[in-house]
Protein backbone atom coordinates (compact mmCIF):
# COMPACT_ATOMS: atom_id res chain seq x y z
CA MET A 1 -15.72 20.03 9.53
CA LYS A 2 -14.21 18.53 6.38
CA LYS A 3 -13.03 14.94 6.77
CA ILE A 4 -9.36 14.18 6.15
CA LYS A 5 -8.66 11.98 3.16
CA ALA A 6 -5.58 9.86 2.63
CA PHE A 7 -4.59 7.88 -0.43
CA GLY A 8 -1.89 5.39 -1.29
CA ILE A 9 -0.80 2.34 -3.20
CA CYS A 10 -0.59 -1.36 -2.29
CA LEU A 11 2.14 -2.95 -4.31
CA TYR A 12 1.65 -6.74 -4.76
CA LYS A 13 3.47 -9.77 -6.09
CA THR A 14 1.67 -12.83 -7.45
CA PHE A 15 3.55 -16.12 -7.52
CA ASN A 16 0.47 -18.24 -8.27
CA PRO A 17 -3.27 -17.91 -7.41
CA ASP A 18 -2.60 -19.20 -3.90
CA HIS A 19 0.48 -17.14 -3.13
CA VAL A 20 0.13 -13.36 -3.23
CA GLU A 21 2.21 -10.89 -1.19
CA ILE A 22 1.38 -7.26 -0.46
CA LEU A 23 3.65 -4.40 0.60
CA LEU A 24 3.03 -2.90 4.03
CA CYS A 25 4.83 -0.38 6.22
CA LYS A 26 5.39 0.04 9.91
CA SER A 27 5.68 3.70 10.93
CA VAL A 28 8.40 4.89 13.29
CA ASN A 29 5.63 5.61 15.80
CA SER A 30 4.34 2.03 15.86
CA ASN A 31 5.90 -0.91 17.58
CA THR A 32 3.66 -3.60 16.16
CA LYS A 33 1.00 -2.33 13.75
CA TRP A 34 1.38 -2.20 9.98
CA GLY A 35 -0.50 -0.40 7.21
CA PHE A 36 -0.30 0.87 3.65
CA LEU A 37 2.05 3.47 2.20
CA LYS A 38 -0.25 6.43 2.02
CA GLY A 39 -0.71 10.02 3.09
CA VAL A 40 -3.00 12.97 3.35
CA GLN A 41 -4.31 14.78 0.28
CA LYS A 42 -3.01 18.31 -0.31
CA ASN A 43 -5.18 21.17 -1.63
CA GLY A 44 -5.61 20.94 -5.39
CA GLU A 45 -4.42 17.35 -5.69
CA THR A 46 -6.58 14.62 -7.19
CA ASP A 47 -6.93 11.37 -5.31
CA ILE A 48 -4.58 9.62 -7.76
CA GLN A 49 -1.96 12.38 -7.58
CA THR A 50 -1.96 12.04 -3.77
CA ALA A 51 -1.53 8.26 -3.94
CA ILE A 52 1.34 8.43 -6.41
CA ARG A 53 3.11 11.27 -4.54
CA GLU A 54 2.75 9.66 -1.12
CA PHE A 55 3.95 6.28 -2.39
CA ARG A 56 7.01 7.91 -3.97
CA GLU A 57 7.74 9.93 -0.83
CA GLU A 58 7.62 6.79 1.34
CA SER A 59 9.44 4.41 -0.98
CA THR A 60 11.29 6.47 -3.69
CA ILE A 61 9.35 4.40 -6.24
CA ASN A 62 7.57 6.33 -8.98
CA ILE A 63 4.34 4.72 -10.16
CA ASN A 64 2.84 5.48 -13.54
CA GLN A 65 -0.89 6.22 -13.24
CA TYR A 66 -1.45 3.75 -16.06
CA PHE A 67 -0.57 0.84 -13.73
CA LEU A 68 -3.14 1.63 -11.07
CA GLU A 69 -5.63 -1.25 -10.89
CA GLN A 70 -8.61 -1.66 -8.58
CA TYR A 71 -9.47 0.89 -5.91
CA PHE A 72 -10.45 0.12 -2.34
CA GLU A 73 -11.56 2.42 0.48
CA GLN A 74 -12.35 2.51 4.16
CA HIS A 75 -14.43 5.26 5.75
CA ASN A 76 -13.47 6.15 9.32
CA LYS A 77 -14.76 8.75 11.74
CA SER A 78 -11.81 11.09 11.32
CA LYS A 79 -10.02 9.95 8.15
CA ASP A 80 -11.11 8.16 4.97
CA ILE A 81 -8.42 6.01 3.29
CA GLY A 82 -8.28 4.99 -0.35
CA ILE A 83 -5.80 2.52 -1.84
CA TRP A 84 -5.08 1.39 -5.42
CA ILE A 85 -3.37 -1.92 -6.06
CA VAL A 86 -0.37 -2.08 -8.42
CA ASN A 87 1.44 -5.22 -9.64
CA SER A 88 5.18 -5.17 -8.76
CA ILE A 89 6.03 -6.38 -12.27
CA ASN A 90 5.35 -2.82 -13.42
CA ILE A 91 8.18 -1.39 -11.29
CA ASN A 92 11.18 -0.49 -13.37
CA SER A 93 14.46 -1.67 -11.84
CA TYR A 94 12.64 -3.52 -9.02
CA ASN A 95 15.91 -4.83 -7.57
CA ASN A 96 17.14 -1.29 -7.04
CA TYR A 97 14.46 -0.87 -4.39
CA PHE A 98 14.05 -4.27 -2.69
CA THR A 99 16.23 -6.85 -1.08
CA ASN A 100 14.94 -9.99 0.67
CA ASN A 101 11.33 -8.89 0.35
CA SER A 102 11.95 -5.53 2.12
CA LEU A 103 12.47 -2.00 0.88
CA LYS A 104 16.17 -1.13 1.04
CA LYS A 105 17.12 1.15 3.91
CA GLU A 106 18.26 3.92 1.53
CA CYS A 107 14.73 3.95 0.05
CA LEU A 108 12.93 4.21 3.41
CA SER A 109 11.40 7.57 4.35
CA SER A 110 11.88 8.96 7.80
CA GLU A 111 8.20 8.11 8.49
CA ASN A 112 8.70 4.36 8.36
CA SER A 113 10.90 1.96 10.27
CA GLN A 114 10.23 -0.92 7.87
CA VAL A 115 8.52 -1.62 4.57
CA SER A 116 8.09 -5.30 3.62
CA PHE A 117 6.03 -7.76 1.60
CA PHE A 118 3.75 -10.14 3.48
CA ASP A 119 1.86 -13.19 2.31
CA ILE A 120 -1.85 -12.39 2.39
CA ASN A 121 -2.38 -15.59 4.41
CA ASN A 122 0.09 -14.52 7.09
CA LEU A 123 -0.28 -10.79 7.71
CA PRO A 124 1.09 -8.88 10.71
CA VAL A 125 -1.15 -6.84 13.05
CA ILE A 126 -2.88 -4.17 10.95
CA LYS A 127 -3.75 -0.62 12.06
CA LYS A 128 -7.35 -0.28 13.18
CA LYS A 129 -8.26 2.38 10.62
CA GLN A 130 -7.09 0.03 7.82
CA LYS A 131 -8.47 -3.36 8.93
CA TYR A 132 -11.56 -3.27 6.71
CA LEU A 133 -9.43 -2.08 3.83
CA ILE A 134 -6.98 -4.94 4.22
CA HIS A 135 -9.85 -7.44 4.31
CA GLN A 136 -11.23 -6.03 1.04
CA ILE A 137 -7.85 -6.34 -0.65
CA VAL A 138 -7.15 -9.82 0.68
CA ASP A 139 -10.62 -10.98 -0.42
CA HIS A 140 -9.97 -9.50 -3.84
CA PHE A 141 -6.87 -11.64 -4.25
CA LYS A 142 -8.35 -14.76 -2.68
CA TYR A 143 -11.71 -14.76 -4.42
CA GLU A 144 -12.56 -12.07 -6.96
CA ARG A 145 -9.29 -12.06 -8.91
CA ARG A 146 -9.13 -15.84 -9.05
CA TYR A 147 -12.55 -16.18 -10.65
CA SER A 148 -12.62 -13.16 -12.94
């Protein structure tokens, strides 16, 4: 049986090396757990096409492939997940999408109840199938990015 693959984008904001925030979503089916804006790959799509399409569907924000930075992945028993990080400074008309660190209601998809930025040092409860992924991304911002 072919394993399901999902791809998405983690938008981030950097205020200084010690203050980075990442964008996470809480689905309408979850009361407490958060994850990345992502979705399942369709036949014929590349990994990058899936990530860009899914991010746009869940946020109304169109990301140019040129702005995709480092890639992270987590392999799970039933679904592998891949995420690219993108700096929020590359979002045209940023204020049209966000207010008070959250995606505006009119930009929310029917799949998510909330989409908000969180400080990487104070994250909410993360979905099990994305915990390793979140650790990789947080470590990237805390250690690798600072010293590269």
